[in-house]
Structure formats: C-alpha cells, structure tokens
C-alpha cells in the first residue's frame, strides 16, 4: 500500500522543480523505511520519526523556507499533521508524510517533539 501511494505521489511530482522532486524522493525513501505498526506509540519510535522531520525542519527552531517545529506543543503538531493528511493544508510533501504515519506513530512523534521542546532540547 505504501509503495502504491509513493508511486502516485511520484507521478504527481513530475511537474515540480528538480529541488522539490529531490526532496520528495528523499522523504518517500524515508517513509518506506518505516513499517506501519499497530503497536502502542513509544519514545524510541517518536525519536526515530522525528529524526526524519529534522532533516528538513530546523531542529533549533530557526528556519526560513520550511517552518520550524521545535517550539510547537503536542496538540499543535497533531492538528497540523491531521490537516496535512486531510489536504486542508497545501503541501504535497507533508501530505505524503502525514499519510505514511499511523495514528500511533503520529502521536509518538508529536509527544517526543513536544517533550524535547519542553525540556529545551533539540529533536
């Protein structure tokens, strides 16, 4: 199922600039590395997924082109990801990322990022 979604996204990306296609390929590769899981969310799972997020989002909270996520609370992260999943927020890349995460994975990632922000540490 993930491969089918990835193939559909790749075909939609043909009209995008080469930099965006490269970024989409990188993210799709990362998405395929994370198997879907029905196991309860845990810290290590959140940390693993957050490491992928940090490859684009500045983990220190700064950032220009791609919004930083380091200062967001858990609810804000979940709300944003659900909006991307439902195509309510315009981003092909984030739509693909949101679709690739189960609800448990999304919760684990949001919890991990919020805990790190509350502790004053980078993701």
PDB file of N, CA and C in Angstrom:
ATOM      1  N   UNK A   1       0.807  -1.176   0.000  1.00  0.00           N
ATOM      2  CA  UNK A   1       0.000   0.000   0.000  1.00  0.00           C
ATOM      3  C   UNK A   1       0.863   1.258   0.000  1.00  0.00           C
ATOM      4  N   UNK A   2       1.945   1.274   0.800  1.00  0.00           N
ATOM      5  CA  UNK A   2       2.827   2.432   0.823  1.00  0.00           C
ATOM      6  C   UNK A   2       3.486   2.636  -0.535  1.00  0.00           C
ATOM      7  N   UNK A   3       3.856   1.543  -1.181  1.00  0.00           N
ATOM      8  CA  UNK A   3       4.502   1.669  -2.488  1.00  0.00           C
ATOM      9  C   UNK A   3       3.547   2.263  -3.511  1.00  0.00           C
ATOM     10  N   UNK A   4       2.262   1.879  -3.426  1.00  0.00           N
ATOM     11  CA  UNK A   4       1.267   2.437  -4.343  1.00  0.00           C
ATOM     12  C   UNK A   4       1.112   3.934  -4.112  1.00  0.00           C
ATOM     13  N   UNK A   5       1.061   4.342  -2.836  1.00  0.00           N
ATOM     14  CA  UNK A   5       0.965   5.770  -2.521  1.00  0.00           C
ATOM     15  C   UNK A   5       2.205   6.504  -3.008  1.00  0.00           C
ATOM     16  N   UNK A   6       3.370   5.898  -2.808  1.00  0.00           N
ATOM     17  CA  UNK A   6       4.611   6.528  -3.242  1.00  0.00           C
ATOM     18  C   UNK A   6       4.629   6.690  -4.756  1.00  0.00           C
ATOM     19  N   UNK A   7       4.191   5.667  -5.483  1.00  0.00           N
ATOM     20  CA  UNK A   7       4.164   5.748  -6.946  1.00  0.00           C
ATOM     21  C   UNK A   7       3.213   6.841  -7.409  1.00  0.00           C
ATOM     22  N   UNK A   8       2.068   6.965  -6.769  1.00  0.00           N
ATOM     23  CA  UNK A   8       1.110   8.007  -7.143  1.00  0.00           C
ATOM     24  C   UNK A   8       1.688   9.389  -6.882  1.00  0.00           C
ATOM     25  N   UNK A   9       2.387   9.552  -5.768  1.00  0.00           N
ATOM     26  CA  UNK A   9       2.979  10.849  -5.455  1.00  0.00           C
ATOM     27  C   UNK A   9       4.112  11.199  -6.405  1.00  0.00           C
ATOM     28  N   UNK A  10       4.898  10.211  -6.777  1.00  0.00           N
ATOM     29  CA  UNK A  10       5.995  10.458  -7.715  1.00  0.00           C
ATOM     30  C   UNK A  10       5.446  10.936  -9.049  1.00  0.00           C
ATOM     31  N   UNK A  11       4.361  10.328  -9.510  1.00  0.00           N
ATOM     32  CA  UNK A  11       3.798  10.748 -10.794  1.00  0.00           C
ATOM     33  C   UNK A  11       3.244  12.167 -10.711  1.00  0.00           C
ATOM     34  N   UNK A  12       2.698  12.555  -9.552  1.00  0.00           N
ATOM     35  CA  UNK A  12       2.195  13.918  -9.384  1.00  0.00           C
ATOM     36  C   UNK A  12       3.333  14.931  -9.309  1.00  0.00           C
ATOM     37  N   UNK A  13       4.508  14.475  -8.901  1.00  0.00           N
ATOM     38  CA  UNK A  13       5.630  15.381  -8.698  1.00  0.00           C
ATOM     39  C   UNK A  13       6.369  15.741  -9.981  1.00  0.00           C
ATOM     40  N   UNK A  14       6.011  15.132 -11.102  1.00  0.00           N
ATOM     41  CA  UNK A  14       6.742  15.365 -12.344  1.00  0.00           C
ATOM     42  C   UNK A  14       6.789  16.835 -12.733  1.00  0.00           C
ATOM     43  N   UNK A  15       5.766  17.587 -12.407  1.00  0.00           N
ATOM     44  CA  UNK A  15       5.739  18.997 -12.767  1.00  0.00           C
ATOM     45  C   UNK A  15       6.479  19.898 -11.794  1.00  0.00           C
ATOM     46  N   UNK A  16       6.950  19.366 -10.691  1.00  0.00           N
ATOM     47  CA  UNK A  16       7.631  20.181  -9.692  1.00  0.00           C
ATOM     48  C   UNK A  16       9.077  20.452 -10.095  1.00  0.00           C
ATOM     49  N   UNK A  17       9.641  21.476  -9.501  1.00  0.00           N
ATOM     50  CA  UNK A  17      11.043  21.817  -9.744  1.00  0.00           C
ATOM     51  C   UNK A  17      11.934  20.665  -9.298  1.00  0.00           C
ATOM     52  N   UNK A  18      13.129  20.586  -9.867  1.00  0.00           N
ATOM     53  CA  UNK A  18      14.021  19.462  -9.570  1.00  0.00           C
ATOM     54  C   UNK A  18      14.381  19.387  -8.085  1.00  0.00           C
ATOM     55  N   UNK A  19      14.508  20.526  -7.414  1.00  0.00           N
ATOM     56  CA  UNK A  19      14.833  20.502  -5.990  1.00  0.00           C
ATOM     57  C   UNK A  19      13.700  19.875  -5.184  1.00  0.00           C
ATOM     58  N   UNK A  20      12.479  20.199  -5.549  1.00  0.00           N
ATOM     59  CA  UNK A  20      11.332  19.647  -4.847  1.00  0.00           C
ATOM     60  C   UNK A  20      11.220  18.152  -5.125  1.00  0.00           C
ATOM     61  N   UNK A  21      11.467  17.747  -6.364  1.00  0.00           N
ATOM     62  CA  UNK A  21      11.426  16.316  -6.693  1.00  0.00           C
ATOM     63  C   UNK A  21      12.482  15.561  -5.898  1.00  0.00           C
ATOM     64  N   UNK A  22      13.666  16.153  -5.761  1.00  0.00           N
ATOM     65  CA  UNK A  22      14.731  15.510  -4.996  1.00  0.00           C
ATOM     66  C   UNK A  22      14.297  15.352  -3.541  1.00  0.00           C
ATOM     67  N   UNK A  23      13.741  16.414  -2.971  1.00  0.00           N
ATOM     68  CA  UNK A  23      13.277  16.376  -1.593  1.00  0.00           C
ATOM     69  C   UNK A  23      12.160  15.354  -1.424  1.00  0.00           C
ATOM     70  N   UNK A  24      11.241  15.314  -2.366  1.00  0.00           N
ATOM     71  CA  UNK A  24      10.149  14.349  -2.307  1.00  0.00           C
ATOM     72  C   UNK A  24      10.693  12.918  -2.358  1.00  0.00           C
ATOM     73  N   UNK A  25      11.680  12.678  -3.210  1.00  0.00           N
ATOM     74  CA  UNK A  25      12.298  11.356  -3.281  1.00  0.00           C
ATOM     75  C   UNK A  25      12.950  10.964  -1.968  1.00  0.00           C
ATOM     76  N   UNK A  26      13.629  11.923  -1.347  1.00  0.00           N
ATOM     77  CA  UNK A  26      14.261  11.674  -0.056  1.00  0.00           C
ATOM     78  C   UNK A  26      13.215  11.320   0.998  1.00  0.00           C
ATOM     79  N   UNK A  27      12.153  12.088   1.035  1.00  0.00           N
ATOM     80  CA  UNK A  27      11.108  11.823   2.016  1.00  0.00           C
ATOM     81  C   UNK A  27      10.379  10.511   1.745  1.00  0.00           C
ATOM     82  N   UNK A  28      10.115  10.222   0.493  1.00  0.00           N
ATOM     83  CA  UNK A  28       9.451   8.959   0.168  1.00  0.00           C
ATOM     84  C   UNK A  28      10.323   7.770   0.556  1.00  0.00           C
ATOM     85  N   UNK A  29      11.631   7.909   0.376  1.00  0.00           N
ATOM     86  CA  UNK A  29      12.543   6.843   0.798  1.00  0.00           C
ATOM     87  C   UNK A  29      12.461   6.636   2.303  1.00  0.00           C
ATOM     88  N   UNK A  30      12.431   7.734   3.039  1.00  0.00           N
ATOM     89  CA  UNK A  30      12.331   7.635   4.493  1.00  0.00           C
ATOM     90  C   UNK A  30      11.001   7.019   4.910  1.00  0.00           C
ATOM     91  N   UNK A  31       9.938   7.377   4.206  1.00  0.00           N
ATOM     92  CA  UNK A  31       8.616   6.837   4.519  1.00  0.00           C
ATOM     93  C   UNK A  31       8.604   5.325   4.342  1.00  0.00           C
ATOM     94  N   UNK A  32       9.222   4.845   3.283  1.00  0.00           N
ATOM     95  CA  UNK A  32       9.231   3.410   3.018  1.00  0.00           C
ATOM     96  C   UNK A  32      10.063   2.634   4.036  1.00  0.00           C
ATOM     97  N   UNK A  33      10.987   3.321   4.706  1.00  0.00           N
ATOM     98  CA  UNK A  33      11.819   2.663   5.712  1.00  0.00           C
ATOM     99  C   UNK A  33      11.072   2.404   7.014  1.00  0.00           C
ATOM    100  N   UNK A  34       9.981   3.133   7.248  1.00  0.00           N
ATOM    101  CA  UNK A  34       9.223   2.980   8.486  1.00  0.00           C
ATOM    102  C   UNK A  34       8.028   2.078   8.240  1.00  0.00           C
ATOM    103  N   UNK A  35       8.077   0.846   8.709  1.00  0.00           N
ATOM    104  CA  UNK A  35       6.926  -0.044   8.516  1.00  0.00           C
ATOM    105  C   UNK A  35       5.745   0.433   9.349  1.00  0.00           C
ATOM    106  N   UNK A  36       4.536   0.209   8.823  1.00  0.00           N
ATOM    107  CA  UNK A  36       3.345   0.555   9.587  1.00  0.00           C
ATOM    108  C   UNK A  36       3.275  -0.368  10.788  1.00  0.00           C
ATOM    109  N   UNK A  37       2.847   0.181  11.881  1.00  0.00           N
ATOM    110  CA  UNK A  37       2.807  -0.591  13.117  1.00  0.00           C
ATOM    111  C   UNK A  37       1.507  -0.326  13.857  1.00  0.00           C
ATOM    112  N   UNK A  38       0.972  -1.358  14.438  1.00  0.00           N
ATOM    113  CA  UNK A  38      -0.207  -1.179  15.272  1.00  0.00           C
ATOM    114  C   UNK A  38       0.184  -1.195  16.750  1.00  0.00           C
ATOM    115  N   UNK A  39       1.483  -1.264  17.025  1.00  0.00           N
ATOM    116  CA  UNK A  39       1.968  -1.271  18.400  1.00  0.00           C
ATOM    117  C   UNK A  39       1.760   0.104  19.022  1.00  0.00           C
ATOM    118  N   UNK A  40       1.625   0.161  20.349  1.00  0.00           N
ATOM    119  CA  UNK A  40       1.457   1.454  21.009  1.00  0.00           C
ATOM    120  C   UNK A  40       2.655   2.358  20.747  1.00  0.00           C
ATOM    121  N   UNK A  41       2.373   3.665  20.723  1.00  0.00           N
ATOM    122  CA  UNK A  41       3.429   4.648  20.476  1.00  0.00           C
ATOM    123  C   UNK A  41       4.422   4.628  21.634  1.00  0.00           C
ATOM    124  N   UNK A  42       5.697   4.811  21.321  1.00  0.00           N
ATOM    125  CA  UNK A  42       6.700   4.884  22.366  1.00  0.00           C
ATOM    126  C   UNK A  42       7.749   5.921  22.003  1.00  0.00           C
ATOM    127  N   UNK A  43       8.593   6.233  22.970  1.00  0.00           N
ATOM    128  CA  UNK A  43       9.581   7.291  22.798  1.00  0.00           C
ATOM    129  C   UNK A  43      10.561   6.981  21.681  1.00  0.00           C
ATOM    130  N   UNK A  44      11.059   5.756  21.596  1.00  0.00           N
ATOM    131  CA  UNK A  44      12.053   5.447  20.563  1.00  0.00           C
ATOM    132  C   UNK A  44      11.446   5.571  19.170  1.00  0.00           C
ATOM    133  N   UNK A  45      10.188   5.187  19.032  1.00  0.00           N
ATOM    134  CA  UNK A  45       9.513   5.333  17.742  1.00  0.00           C
ATOM    135  C   UNK A  45       9.379   6.817  17.397  1.00  0.00           C
ATOM    136  N   UNK A  46       8.976   7.629  18.361  1.00  0.00           N
ATOM    137  CA  UNK A  46       8.856   9.069  18.137  1.00  0.00           C
ATOM    138  C   UNK A  46      10.196   9.690  17.783  1.00  0.00           C
ATOM    139  N   UNK A  47      11.248   9.260  18.460  1.00  0.00           N
ATOM    140  CA  UNK A  47      12.585   9.788  18.187  1.00  0.00           C
ATOM    141  C   UNK A  47      13.047   9.428  16.781  1.00  0.00           C
ATOM    142  N   UNK A  48      12.775   8.203  16.373  1.00  0.00           N
ATOM    143  CA  UNK A  48      13.191   7.753  15.042  1.00  0.00           C
ATOM    144  C   UNK A  48      12.487   8.562  13.948  1.00  0.00           C
ATOM    145  N   UNK A  49      11.202   8.764  14.085  1.00  0.00           N
ATOM    146  CA  UNK A  49      10.454   9.516  13.082  1.00  0.00           C
ATOM    147  C   UNK A  49      10.848  10.988  13.127  1.00  0.00           C
ATOM    148  N   UNK A  50      11.046  11.542  14.329  1.00  0.00           N
ATOM    149  CA  UNK A  50      11.438  12.948  14.470  1.00  0.00           C
ATOM    150  C   UNK A  50      12.782  13.225  13.810  1.00  0.00           C
ATOM    151  N   UNK A  51      13.662  12.244  13.789  1.00  0.00           N
ATOM    152  CA  UNK A  51      14.954  12.425  13.112  1.00  0.00           C
ATOM    153  C   UNK A  51      14.745  12.687  11.629  1.00  0.00           C
ATOM    154  N   UNK A  52      13.746  12.055  11.044  1.00  0.00           N
ATOM    155  CA  UNK A  52      13.418  12.306   9.643  1.00  0.00           C
ATOM    156  C   UNK A  52      12.877  13.720   9.480  1.00  0.00           C
ATOM    157  N   UNK A  53      12.048  14.154  10.418  1.00  0.00           N
ATOM    158  CA  UNK A  53      11.488  15.512  10.366  1.00  0.00           C
ATOM    159  C   UNK A  53      12.609  16.552  10.394  1.00  0.00           C
ATOM    160  N   UNK A  54      13.605  16.304  11.242  1.00  0.00           N
ATOM    161  CA  UNK A  54      14.693  17.257  11.426  1.00  0.00           C
ATOM    162  C   UNK A  54      15.549  17.422  10.181  1.00  0.00           C
ATOM    163  N   UNK A  55      15.453  16.485   9.232  1.00  0.00           N
ATOM    164  CA  UNK A  55      16.245  16.632   8.013  1.00  0.00           C
ATOM    165  C   UNK A  55      15.772  17.814   7.174  1.00  0.00           C
ATOM    166  N   UNK A  56      14.538  18.240   7.356  1.00  0.00           N
ATOM    167  CA  UNK A  56      14.017  19.407   6.629  1.00  0.00           C
ATOM    168  C   UNK A  56      13.717  20.575   7.567  1.00  0.00           C
ATOM    169  N   UNK A  57      13.093  20.271   8.701  1.00  0.00           N
ATOM    170  CA  UNK A  57      12.724  21.315   9.654  1.00  0.00           C
ATOM    171  C   UNK A  57      13.917  21.581  10.554  1.00  0.00           C
ATOM    172  N   UNK A  58      14.277  22.844  10.686  1.00  0.00           N
ATOM    173  CA  UNK A  58      15.416  23.217  11.517  1.00  0.00           C
ATOM    174  C   UNK A  58      15.147  22.792  12.964  1.00  0.00           C
ATOM    175  N   UNK A  59      15.942  21.865  13.490  1.00  0.00           N
ATOM    176  CA  UNK A  59      15.688  21.360  14.839  1.00  0.00           C
ATOM    177  C   UNK A  59      15.916  22.385  15.942  1.00  0.00           C
ATOM    178  N   UNK A  60      16.574  23.510  15.652  1.00  0.00           N
ATOM    179  CA  UNK A  60      16.836  24.514  16.683  1.00  0.00           C
ATOM    180  C   UNK A  60      15.709  25.526  16.807  1.00  0.00           C
ATOM    181  N   UNK A  61      14.743  25.492  15.926  1.00  0.00           N
ATOM    182  CA  UNK A  61      13.614  26.408  15.998  1.00  0.00           C
ATOM    183  C   UNK A  61      13.716  27.568  15.032  1.00  0.00           C
ATOM    184  N   UNK A  62      14.871  27.759  14.432  1.00  0.00           N
ATOM    185  CA  UNK A  62      15.016  28.793  13.415  1.00  0.00           C
ATOM    186  C   UNK A  62      14.510  28.252  12.105  1.00  0.00           C
ATOM    187  N   UNK A  63      14.727  28.921  11.051  1.00  0.00           N
ATOM    188  CA  UNK A  63      14.309  28.385   9.766  1.00  0.00           C
ATOM    189  C   UNK A  63      13.611  29.438   8.939  1.00  0.00           C
ATOM    190  N   UNK A  64      13.765  29.343   7.661  1.00  0.00           N
ATOM    191  CA  UNK A  64      13.191  30.329   6.768  1.00  0.00           C
ATOM    192  C   UNK A  64      12.161  29.701   5.848  1.00  0.00           C
ATOM    193  N   UNK A  65      12.601  28.839   4.947  1.00  0.00           N
ATOM    194  CA  UNK A  65      11.717  28.297   3.915  1.00  0.00           C
ATOM    195  C   UNK A  65      10.761  27.248   4.466  1.00  0.00           C
ATOM    196  N   UNK A  66      11.231  26.395   5.336  1.00  0.00           N
ATOM    197  CA  UNK A  66      10.402  25.333   5.905  1.00  0.00           C
ATOM    198  C   UNK A  66      10.155  25.697   7.364  1.00  0.00           C
ATOM    199  N   UNK A  67       8.897  25.765   7.784  1.00  0.00           N
ATOM    200  CA  UNK A  67       8.606  26.205   9.155  1.00  0.00           C
ATOM    201  C   UNK A  67       9.259  25.314  10.211  1.00  0.00           C
ATOM    202  N   UNK A  68       9.772  25.939  11.269  1.00  0.00           N
ATOM    203  CA  UNK A  68      10.356  25.169  12.363  1.00  0.00           C
ATOM    204  C   UNK A  68       9.259  24.467  13.160  1.00  0.00           C
ATOM    205  N   UNK A  69       9.598  23.352  13.777  1.00  0.00           N
ATOM    206  CA  UNK A  69       8.625  22.614  14.580  1.00  0.00           C
ATOM    207  C   UNK A  69       9.068  22.473  16.029  1.00  0.00           C
ATOM    208  N   UNK A  70      10.254  22.961  16.348  1.00  0.00           N
ATOM    209  CA  UNK A  70      10.831  22.745  17.675  1.00  0.00           C
ATOM    210  C   UNK A  70      10.014  23.365  18.802  1.00  0.00           C
ATOM    211  N   UNK A  71       9.306  24.447  18.564  1.00  0.00           N
ATOM    212  CA  UNK A  71       8.582  25.133  19.635  1.00  0.00           C
ATOM    213  C   UNK A  71       7.106  24.755  19.707  1.00  0.00           C
ATOM    214  N   UNK A  72       6.646  23.866  18.845  1.00  0.00           N
ATOM    215  CA  UNK A  72       5.230  23.501  18.828  1.00  0.00           C
ATOM    216  C   UNK A  72       4.893  22.532  19.951  1.00  0.00           C
ATOM    217  N   UNK A  73       3.682  22.677  20.506  1.00  0.00           N
ATOM    218  CA  UNK A  73       3.253  21.716  21.517  1.00  0.00           C
ATOM    219  C   UNK A  73       2.633  20.497  20.834  1.00  0.00           C
ATOM    220  N   UNK A  74       2.387  19.469  21.628  1.00  0.00           N
ATOM    221  CA  UNK A  74       1.907  18.193  21.084  1.00  0.00           C
ATOM    222  C   UNK A  74       0.609  18.353  20.296  1.00  0.00           C
ATOM    223  N   UNK A  75      -0.342  19.094  20.836  1.00  0.00           N
ATOM    224  CA  UNK A  75      -1.625  19.274  20.151  1.00  0.00           C
ATOM    225  C   UNK A  75      -1.465  20.018  18.832  1.00  0.00           C
ATOM    226  N   UNK A  76      -0.590  21.014  18.798  1.00  0.00           N
ATOM    227  CA  UNK A  76      -0.374  21.775  17.565  1.00  0.00           C
ATOM    228  C   UNK A  76       0.232  20.892  16.480  1.00  0.00           C
ATOM    229  N   UNK A  77       1.143  20.021  16.862  1.00  0.00           N
ATOM    230  CA  UNK A  77       1.768  19.113  15.896  1.00  0.00           C
ATOM    231  C   UNK A  77       0.731  18.145  15.334  1.00  0.00           C
ATOM    232  N   UNK A  78      -0.060  17.545  16.218  1.00  0.00           N
ATOM    233  CA  UNK A  78      -1.091  16.601  15.769  1.00  0.00           C
ATOM    234  C   UNK A  78      -2.100  17.312  14.872  1.00  0.00           C
ATOM    235  N   UNK A  79      -2.544  18.490  15.276  1.00  0.00           N
ATOM    236  CA  UNK A  79      -3.520  19.250  14.485  1.00  0.00           C
ATOM    237  C   UNK A  79      -2.970  19.560  13.095  1.00  0.00           C
ATOM    238  N   UNK A  80      -1.717  19.998  13.032  1.00  0.00           N
ATOM    239  CA  UNK A  80      -1.102  20.318  11.740  1.00  0.00           C
ATOM    240  C   UNK A  80      -0.986  19.076  10.860  1.00  0.00           C
ATOM    241  N   UNK A  81      -0.551  17.966  11.445  1.00  0.00           N
ATOM    242  CA  UNK A  81      -0.386  16.743  10.654  1.00  0.00           C
ATOM    243  C   UNK A  81      -1.725  16.202  10.164  1.00  0.00           C
ATOM    244  N   UNK A  82      -2.760  16.303  10.983  1.00  0.00           N
ATOM    245  CA  UNK A  82      -4.082  15.858  10.538  1.00  0.00           C
ATOM    246  C   UNK A  82      -4.604  16.745   9.414  1.00  0.00           C
ATOM    247  N   UNK A  83      -4.285  18.039   9.467  1.00  0.00           N
ATOM    248  CA  UNK A  83      -4.675  18.946   8.381  1.00  0.00           C
ATOM    249  C   UNK A  83      -3.934  18.586   7.095  1.00  0.00           C
ATOM    250  N   UNK A  84      -2.654  18.255   7.200  1.00  0.00           N
ATOM    251  CA  UNK A  84      -1.907  17.823   6.010  1.00  0.00           C
ATOM    252  C   UNK A  84      -2.480  16.516   5.472  1.00  0.00           C
ATOM    253  N   UNK A  85      -2.798  15.586   6.362  1.00  0.00           N
ATOM    254  CA  UNK A  85      -3.347  14.295   5.954  1.00  0.00           C
ATOM    255  C   UNK A  85      -4.663  14.480   5.190  1.00  0.00           C
ATOM    256  N   UNK A  86      -5.484  15.426   5.630  1.00  0.00           N
ATOM    257  CA  UNK A  86      -6.789  15.669   5.011  1.00  0.00           C
ATOM    258  C   UNK A  86      -6.707  16.652   3.844  1.00  0.00           C
ATOM    259  N   UNK A  87      -5.502  17.042   3.451  1.00  0.00           N
ATOM    260  CA  UNK A  87      -5.270  18.015   2.375  1.00  0.00           C
ATOM    261  C   UNK A  87      -5.890  19.373   2.682  1.00  0.00           C
ATOM    262  N   UNK A  88      -6.018  19.712   3.957  1.00  0.00           N
ATOM    263  CA  UNK A  88      -6.526  21.022   4.352  1.00  0.00           C
ATOM    264  C   UNK A  88      -5.412  22.058   4.360  1.00  0.00           C
ATOM    265  N   UNK A  89      -4.180  21.618   4.447  1.00  0.00           N
ATOM    266  CA  UNK A  89      -3.013  22.494   4.371  1.00  0.00           C
ATOM    267  C   UNK A  89      -2.250  22.126   3.110  1.00  0.00           C
ATOM    268  N   UNK A  90      -1.883  23.116   2.288  1.00  0.00           N
ATOM    269  CA  UNK A  90      -1.276  22.825   0.984  1.00  0.00           C
ATOM    270  C   UNK A  90       0.211  22.483   1.048  1.00  0.00           C
ATOM    271  N   UNK A  91       0.515  21.221   1.002  1.00  0.00           N
ATOM    272  CA  UNK A  91       1.902  20.767   0.908  1.00  0.00           C
ATOM    273  C   UNK A  91       1.906  19.314   0.455  1.00  0.00           C
ATOM    274  N   UNK A  92       2.363  19.089  -0.752  1.00  0.00           N
ATOM    275  CA  UNK A  92       2.416  17.732  -1.292  1.00  0.00           C
ATOM    276  C   UNK A  92       3.335  16.846  -0.453  1.00  0.00           C
ATOM    277  N   UNK A  93       4.461  17.400  -0.038  1.00  0.00           N
ATOM    278  CA  UNK A  93       5.424  16.625   0.745  1.00  0.00           C
ATOM    279  C   UNK A  93       4.837  16.255   2.105  1.00  0.00           C
ATOM    280  N   UNK A  94       4.287  17.241   2.815  1.00  0.00           N
ATOM    281  CA  UNK A  94       3.742  16.957   4.141  1.00  0.00           C
ATOM    282  C   UNK A  94       2.483  16.092   4.061  1.00  0.00           C
ATOM    283  N   UNK A  95       1.728  16.202   2.991  1.00  0.00           N
ATOM    284  CA  UNK A  95       0.574  15.325   2.790  1.00  0.00           C
ATOM    285  C   UNK A  95       1.055  13.868   2.720  1.00  0.00           C
ATOM    286  N   UNK A  96       2.118  13.640   1.961  1.00  0.00           N
ATOM    287  CA  UNK A  96       2.670  12.287   1.836  1.00  0.00           C
ATOM    288  C   UNK A  96       3.194  11.780   3.174  1.00  0.00           C
ATOM    289  N   UNK A  97       3.882  12.640   3.904  1.00  0.00           N
ATOM    290  CA  UNK A  97       4.412  12.239   5.210  1.00  0.00           C
ATOM    291  C   UNK A  97       3.263  11.902   6.162  1.00  0.00           C
ATOM    292  N   UNK A  98       2.257  12.759   6.217  1.00  0.00           N
ATOM    293  CA  UNK A  98       1.124  12.535   7.127  1.00  0.00           C
ATOM    294  C   UNK A  98       0.378  11.248   6.787  1.00  0.00           C
ATOM    295  N   UNK A  99       0.221  10.963   5.498  1.00  0.00           N
ATOM    296  CA  UNK A  99      -0.450   9.724   5.097  1.00  0.00           C
ATOM    297  C   UNK A  99       0.359   8.486   5.466  1.00  0.00           C
ATOM    298  N   UNK A 100       1.672   8.630   5.522  1.00  0.00           N
ATOM    299  CA  UNK A 100       2.527   7.471   5.790  1.00  0.00           C
ATOM    300  C   UNK A 100       2.554   7.075   7.261  1.00  0.00           C
ATOM    301  N   UNK A 101       2.123   7.967   8.138  1.00  0.00           N
ATOM    302  CA  UNK A 101       2.182   7.696   9.572  1.00  0.00           C
ATOM    303  C   UNK A 101       0.845   7.186  10.092  1.00  0.00           C
ATOM    304  N   UNK A 102       0.902   6.141  10.895  1.00  0.00           N
ATOM    305  CA  UNK A 102      -0.308   5.675  11.575  1.00  0.00           C
ATOM    306  C   UNK A 102      -0.647   6.684  12.673  1.00  0.00           C
ATOM    307  N   UNK A 103      -1.826   6.570  13.241  1.00  0.00           N
ATOM    308  CA  UNK A 103      -2.199   7.456  14.343  1.00  0.00           C
ATOM    309  C   UNK A 103      -1.246   7.289  15.524  1.00  0.00           C
ATOM    310  N   UNK A 104      -0.834   6.053  15.807  1.00  0.00           N
ATOM    311  CA  UNK A 104       0.117   5.803  16.897  1.00  0.00           C
ATOM    312  C   UNK A 104       1.474   6.447  16.615  1.00  0.00           C
ATOM    313  N   UNK A 105       1.948   6.329  15.379  1.00  0.00           N
ATOM    314  CA  UNK A 105       3.235   6.933  15.011  1.00  0.00           C
ATOM    315  C   UNK A 105       3.164   8.450  15.097  1.00  0.00           C
ATOM    316  N   UNK A 106       2.065   9.017  14.643  1.00  0.00           N
ATOM    317  CA  UNK A 106       1.882  10.464  14.714  1.00  0.00           C
ATOM    318  C   UNK A 106       1.868  10.924  16.170  1.00  0.00           C
ATOM    319  N   UNK A 107       1.142  10.212  17.015  1.00  0.00           N
ATOM    320  CA  UNK A 107       1.079  10.561  18.437  1.00  0.00           C
ATOM    321  C   UNK A 107       2.450  10.450  19.096  1.00  0.00           C
ATOM    322  N   UNK A 108       3.185   9.396  18.786  1.00  0.00           N
ATOM    323  CA  UNK A 108       4.519   9.205  19.369  1.00  0.00           C
ATOM    324  C   UNK A 108       5.466  10.316  18.946  1.00  0.00           C
ATOM    325  N   UNK A 109       5.400  10.698  17.690  1.00  0.00           N
ATOM    326  CA  UNK A 109       6.275  11.753  17.182  1.00  0.00           C
ATOM    327  C   UNK A 109       5.928  13.093  17.812  1.00  0.00           C
ATOM    328  N   UNK A 110       4.640  13.417  17.866  1.00  0.00           N
ATOM    329  CA  UNK A 110       4.205  14.682  18.468  1.00  0.00           C
ATOM    330  C   UNK A 110       4.602  14.741  19.941  1.00  0.00           C
ATOM    331  N   UNK A 111       4.408  13.634  20.655  1.00  0.00           N
ATOM    332  CA  UNK A 111       4.771  13.574  22.069  1.00  0.00           C
ATOM    333  C   UNK A 111       6.278  13.758  22.244  1.00  0.00           C
ATOM    334  N   UNK A 112       7.051  13.075  21.422  1.00  0.00           N
ATOM    335  CA  UNK A 112       8.510  13.177  21.516  1.00  0.00           C
ATOM    336  C   UNK A 112       8.975  14.613  21.258  1.00  0.00           C
ATOM    337  N   UNK A 113       8.484  15.223  20.168  1.00  0.00           N
ATOM    338  CA  UNK A 113       8.897  16.586  19.829  1.00  0.00           C
ATOM    339  C   UNK A 113       8.489  17.580  20.911  1.00  0.00           C
ATOM    340  N   UNK A 114       7.274  17.446  21.436  1.00  0.00           N
ATOM    341  CA  UNK A 114       6.808  18.354  22.485  1.00  0.00           C
ATOM    342  C   UNK A 114       7.615  18.169  23.770  1.00  0.00           C
ATOM    343  N   UNK A 115       7.913  16.930  24.125  1.00  0.00           N
ATOM    344  CA  UNK A 115       8.724  16.671  25.319  1.00  0.00           C
ATOM    345  C   UNK A 115      10.110  17.278  25.174  1.00  0.00           C
ATOM    346  N   UNK A 116      10.682  17.150  23.987  1.00  0.00           N
ATOM    347  CA  UNK A 116      12.014  17.734  23.738  1.00  0.00           C
ATOM    348  C   UNK A 116      11.955  19.255  23.836  1.00  0.00           C
ATOM    349  N   UNK A 117      10.900  19.853  23.282  1.00  0.00           N
ATOM    350  CA  UNK A 117      10.755  21.312  23.337  1.00  0.00           C
ATOM    351  C   UNK A 117      10.584  21.773  24.784  1.00  0.00           C
ATOM    352  N   UNK A 118       9.788  21.048  25.566  1.00  0.00           N
ATOM    353  CA  UNK A 118       9.572  21.405  26.972  1.00  0.00           C
ATOM    354  C   UNK A 118      10.847  21.277  27.789  1.00  0.00           C
ATOM    355  N   UNK A 119      11.708  20.352  27.406  1.00  0.00           N
ATOM    356  CA  UNK A 119      12.976  20.151  28.114  1.00  0.00           C
ATOM    357  C   UNK A 119      14.068  21.080  27.586  1.00  0.00           C
ATOM    358  N   UNK A 120      13.741  21.859  26.547  1.00  0.00           N
ATOM    359  CA  UNK A 120      14.720  22.786  25.985  1.00  0.00           C
ATOM    360  C   UNK A 120      15.785  22.128  25.146  1.00  0.00           C
ATOM    361  N   UNK A 121      15.488  20.938  24.613  1.00  0.00           N
ATOM    362  CA  UNK A 121      16.459  20.213  23.793  1.00  0.00           C
ATOM    363  C   UNK A 121      15.994  20.160  22.355  1.00  0.00           C
ATOM    364  N   UNK A 122      16.946  19.953  21.466  1.00  0.00           N
ATOM    365  CA  UNK A 122      16.637  19.817  20.047  1.00  0.00           C
ATOM    366  C   UNK A 122      16.103  18.419  19.776  1.00  0.00           C
ATOM    367  N   UNK A 123      15.263  18.285  18.707  1.00  0.00           N
ATOM    368  CA  UNK A 123      14.760  16.945  18.338  1.00  0.00           C
ATOM    369  C   UNK A 123      15.863  16.003  17.936  1.00  0.00           C
TER     370      UNK A 123
END
